[in-house]
């Protein structure tokens, strides 16, 4: 039942250089392992085996040693579970911080995108206004071109009339000079 906890506890013990190699006849005692010796974990209490003081033979007969071993295994399991809980809390705290950081980044990005969207909308409106002004100017230019063509036609008509009148005067002068020359 406790083999799973025992294996995991052995992994943590491997990180501690102060582990006792003698397991026979030992009792578990708690020892604080420095933070530097275990990565990503604050101070942890790890049981350490210490030589048991000589016990009377009768204590072994009634199962005290067995009871003490079970208690030690339970303490190991409790320490391991406590360590797991602490690690989970640390991970949760780290995740909460990461999520909060991401939330702030996303809010900032959203603000920037809103400003960009506003700028784009303003530019679109400006382009629409310029397009309308250009259209108005083109219409005025077309109107001016029509007026110029009308004036050109009128000037051409006037020029034609002036030429006709000039021809009439010229013909009149020629006929007058012919008449005078015939009378003389």
Protein backbone atom coordinates (compact mmCIF):
# COMPACT_ATOMS: atom_id res chain seq x y z
CA UNK A 1 0.00 0.00 0.00
CA UNK A 2 2.76 2.43 0.87
CA UNK A 3 5.14 1.30 -1.87
CA UNK A 4 4.08 4.17 -4.13
CA UNK A 5 4.78 6.72 -1.40
CA UNK A 6 8.00 4.98 -0.48
CA UNK A 7 9.30 5.09 -4.08
CA UNK A 8 8.46 8.77 -4.41
CA UNK A 9 10.02 9.53 -1.04
CA UNK A 10 13.18 7.73 -2.13
CA UNK A 11 13.36 10.03 -5.15
CA UNK A 12 13.28 13.02 -2.80
CA UNK A 13 15.86 11.42 -0.54
CA UNK A 14 18.24 11.01 -3.46
CA UNK A 15 18.35 14.78 -3.67
CA UNK A 16 19.52 14.99 -0.04
CA UNK A 17 23.23 14.12 0.52
CA UNK A 18 22.64 13.63 4.25
CA UNK A 19 20.59 10.42 3.83
CA UNK A 20 21.46 7.54 6.08
CA UNK A 21 22.40 4.32 4.24
CA UNK A 22 21.69 1.99 7.16
CA UNK A 23 17.99 1.01 7.20
CA UNK A 24 18.00 -1.96 9.59
CA UNK A 25 16.73 -1.27 13.08
CA UNK A 26 16.30 2.45 12.54
CA UNK A 27 13.52 4.80 13.63
CA UNK A 28 12.37 7.75 11.54
CA UNK A 29 13.12 11.27 12.77
CA UNK A 30 12.41 14.55 10.97
CA UNK A 31 15.16 16.65 9.52
CA UNK A 32 14.87 19.94 7.58
CA UNK A 33 16.59 19.82 4.20
CA UNK A 34 17.90 23.18 2.91
CA UNK A 35 16.18 24.76 -0.09
CA UNK A 36 19.31 24.75 -2.22
CA UNK A 37 19.47 20.94 -2.17
CA UNK A 38 15.98 20.47 -3.67
CA UNK A 39 15.01 22.42 -6.80
CA UNK A 40 11.69 24.33 -6.91
CA UNK A 41 10.77 23.29 -3.37
CA UNK A 42 11.00 25.29 -0.20
CA UNK A 43 12.08 23.65 3.03
CA UNK A 44 10.70 20.15 3.43
CA UNK A 45 10.75 17.87 6.40
CA UNK A 46 12.12 14.48 5.37
CA UNK A 47 12.27 11.64 7.85
CA UNK A 48 15.74 10.34 8.62
CA UNK A 49 16.57 7.00 10.16
CA UNK A 50 18.48 7.03 13.43
CA UNK A 51 19.85 4.08 15.36
CA UNK A 52 17.21 2.77 17.72
CA UNK A 53 18.13 2.58 21.39
CA UNK A 54 18.14 -0.95 22.64
CA UNK A 55 14.63 -2.10 23.38
CA UNK A 56 13.52 -4.89 25.51
CA UNK A 57 12.76 -8.14 23.79
CA UNK A 58 9.20 -7.99 25.04
CA UNK A 59 8.55 -4.80 22.99
CA UNK A 60 9.32 -6.71 19.81
CA UNK A 61 7.03 -9.50 20.88
CA UNK A 62 3.96 -7.28 21.19
CA UNK A 63 4.54 -5.63 17.77
CA UNK A 64 5.72 -2.18 18.82
CA UNK A 65 8.43 -2.27 16.18
CA UNK A 66 5.87 -3.13 13.54
CA UNK A 67 3.63 -0.35 14.81
CA UNK A 68 6.52 2.12 14.76
CA UNK A 69 7.39 1.08 11.20
CA UNK A 70 3.79 1.65 10.14
CA UNK A 71 3.77 5.03 11.87
CA UNK A 72 7.01 5.93 10.09
CA UNK A 73 5.52 4.90 6.75
CA UNK A 74 2.41 6.94 7.48
CA UNK A 75 4.57 9.94 8.35
CA UNK A 76 6.46 9.46 5.08
CA UNK A 77 3.16 9.30 3.21
CA UNK A 78 1.86 12.40 5.00
CA UNK A 79 5.10 14.27 4.26
CA UNK A 80 4.91 13.21 0.63
CA UNK A 81 1.25 14.25 0.32
CA UNK A 82 2.08 17.56 2.02
CA UNK A 83 4.89 18.08 -0.45
CA UNK A 84 2.56 17.28 -3.35
CA UNK A 85 -0.02 19.75 -2.01
CA UNK A 86 2.63 22.44 -1.65
CA UNK A 87 3.88 21.80 -5.18
CA UNK A 88 0.32 21.97 -6.50
CA UNK A 89 -0.27 25.25 -4.66
CA UNK A 90 2.98 26.65 -6.07
CA UNK A 91 2.01 25.56 -9.58
CA UNK A 92 -1.47 27.03 -9.16
CA UNK A 93 -0.03 30.31 -7.90
CA UNK A 94 2.38 30.41 -10.83
CA UNK A 95 -0.45 29.66 -13.27
CA UNK A 96 -2.62 32.36 -11.71
CA UNK A 97 0.23 34.85 -12.11
CA UNK A 98 0.80 33.78 -15.72
CA UNK A 99 -2.90 34.07 -16.47
CA UNK A 100 -3.04 37.53 -14.87
CA UNK A 101 0.01 38.61 -16.90
CA UNK A 102 -1.57 37.29 -20.09
CA UNK A 103 -4.83 39.04 -19.21
CA UNK A 104 -3.01 42.36 -18.80
CA UNK A 105 -1.13 41.80 -22.08
CA UNK A 106 -4.35 40.96 -23.89
CA UNK A 107 -6.10 44.05 -22.48
CA UNK A 108 -3.20 46.23 -23.63
CA UNK A 109 -3.26 44.60 -27.06
CA UNK A 110 -7.02 45.10 -27.27
CA UNK A 111 -6.59 48.82 -26.46
CA UNK A 112 -3.95 49.13 -29.17
CA UNK A 113 -6.17 47.32 -31.67
CA UNK A 114 -9.07 49.62 -30.80
CA UNK A 115 -6.83 52.64 -31.45
CA UNK A 116 -5.71 51.14 -34.77
CA UNK A 117 -9.33 50.46 -35.71
CA UNK A 118 -10.25 54.04 -34.81
CA UNK A 119 -7.33 55.35 -36.92
CA UNK A 120 -8.39 53.16 -39.86
CA UNK A 121 -11.98 54.42 -39.57
CA UNK A 122 -10.77 58.04 -39.52
CA UNK A 123 -8.58 57.39 -42.57
CA UNK A 124 -11.47 55.76 -44.41
CA UNK A 125 -13.66 58.78 -43.65
CA UNK A 126 -10.87 61.11 -44.80
CA UNK A 127 -10.46 59.15 -48.03
CA UNK A 128 -14.23 59.21 -48.56
CA UNK A 129 -14.24 63.00 -48.08
CA UNK A 130 -11.32 63.40 -50.50
CA UNK A 131 -13.07 61.19 -53.03
CA UNK A 132 -16.21 63.33 -52.75
CA UNK A 133 -14.18 66.54 -53.17
CA UNK A 134 -12.39 65.06 -56.20
CA UNK A 135 -15.74 64.09 -57.69
CA UNK A 136 -17.06 67.63 -57.14
CA UNK A 137 -13.94 69.13 -58.76
CA UNK A 138 -14.27 66.77 -61.74
CA UNK A 139 -17.90 67.83 -62.15
CA UNK A 140 -16.90 71.50 -62.04
CA UNK A 141 -14.13 70.79 -64.58
CA UNK A 142 -16.65 69.11 -66.87
CA UNK A 143 -18.97 72.13 -66.51
CA UNK A 144 -16.08 74.49 -67.34
CA UNK A 145 -15.20 72.35 -70.38
CA UNK A 146 -18.81 72.58 -71.61
CA UNK A 147 -18.80 76.38 -71.14
CA UNK A 148 -15.48 76.63 -73.02
CA UNK A 149 -16.85 74.53 -75.90
CA UNK A 150 -19.99 76.70 -76.05
CA UNK A 151 -17.89 79.87 -76.07
CA UNK A 152 -15.62 78.39 -78.76
CA UNK A 153 -18.66 77.62 -80.92
CA UNK A 154 -20.00 81.13 -80.37
CA UNK A 155 -16.60 82.64 -81.23
CA UNK A 156 -16.41 80.48 -84.33
CA UNK A 157 -19.90 81.64 -85.28
CA UNK A 158 -18.94 85.27 -84.66
CA UNK A 159 -15.73 84.79 -86.66
CA UNK A 160 -17.74 83.33 -89.51
CA UNK A 161 -20.16 86.27 -89.38
CA UNK A 162 -17.24 88.74 -89.34
CA UNK A 163 -15.73 86.98 -92.36
CA UNK A 164 -19.05 87.13 -94.20
CA UNK A 165 -19.48 90.80 -93.38
CA UNK A 166 -15.90 91.46 -94.45
CA UNK A 167 -16.57 89.66 -97.72
CA UNK A 168 -19.75 91.68 -98.24
CA UNK A 169 -17.88 94.94 -97.64
CA UNK A 170 -15.11 93.81 -99.92
CA UNK A 171 -17.61 92.86 -102.61
CA UNK A 172 -19.41 96.15 -102.15
CA UNK A 173 -16.15 98.10 -102.51
CA UNK A 174 -15.22 96.12 -105.58
CA UNK A 175 -18.59 96.65 -107.16
CA UNK A 176 -18.46 100.38 -106.27
CA UNK A 177 -15.03 100.73 -107.81
CA UNK A 178 -16.23 98.88 -110.90
CA UNK A 179 -19.17 101.20 -111.17
CA UNK A 180 -17.03 104.25 -110.83
CA UNK A 181 -14.69 102.98 -113.41
CA UNK A 182 -17.55 102.32 -115.75
CA UNK A 183 -18.93 105.84 -115.22
CA UNK A 184 -15.73 107.48 -115.79
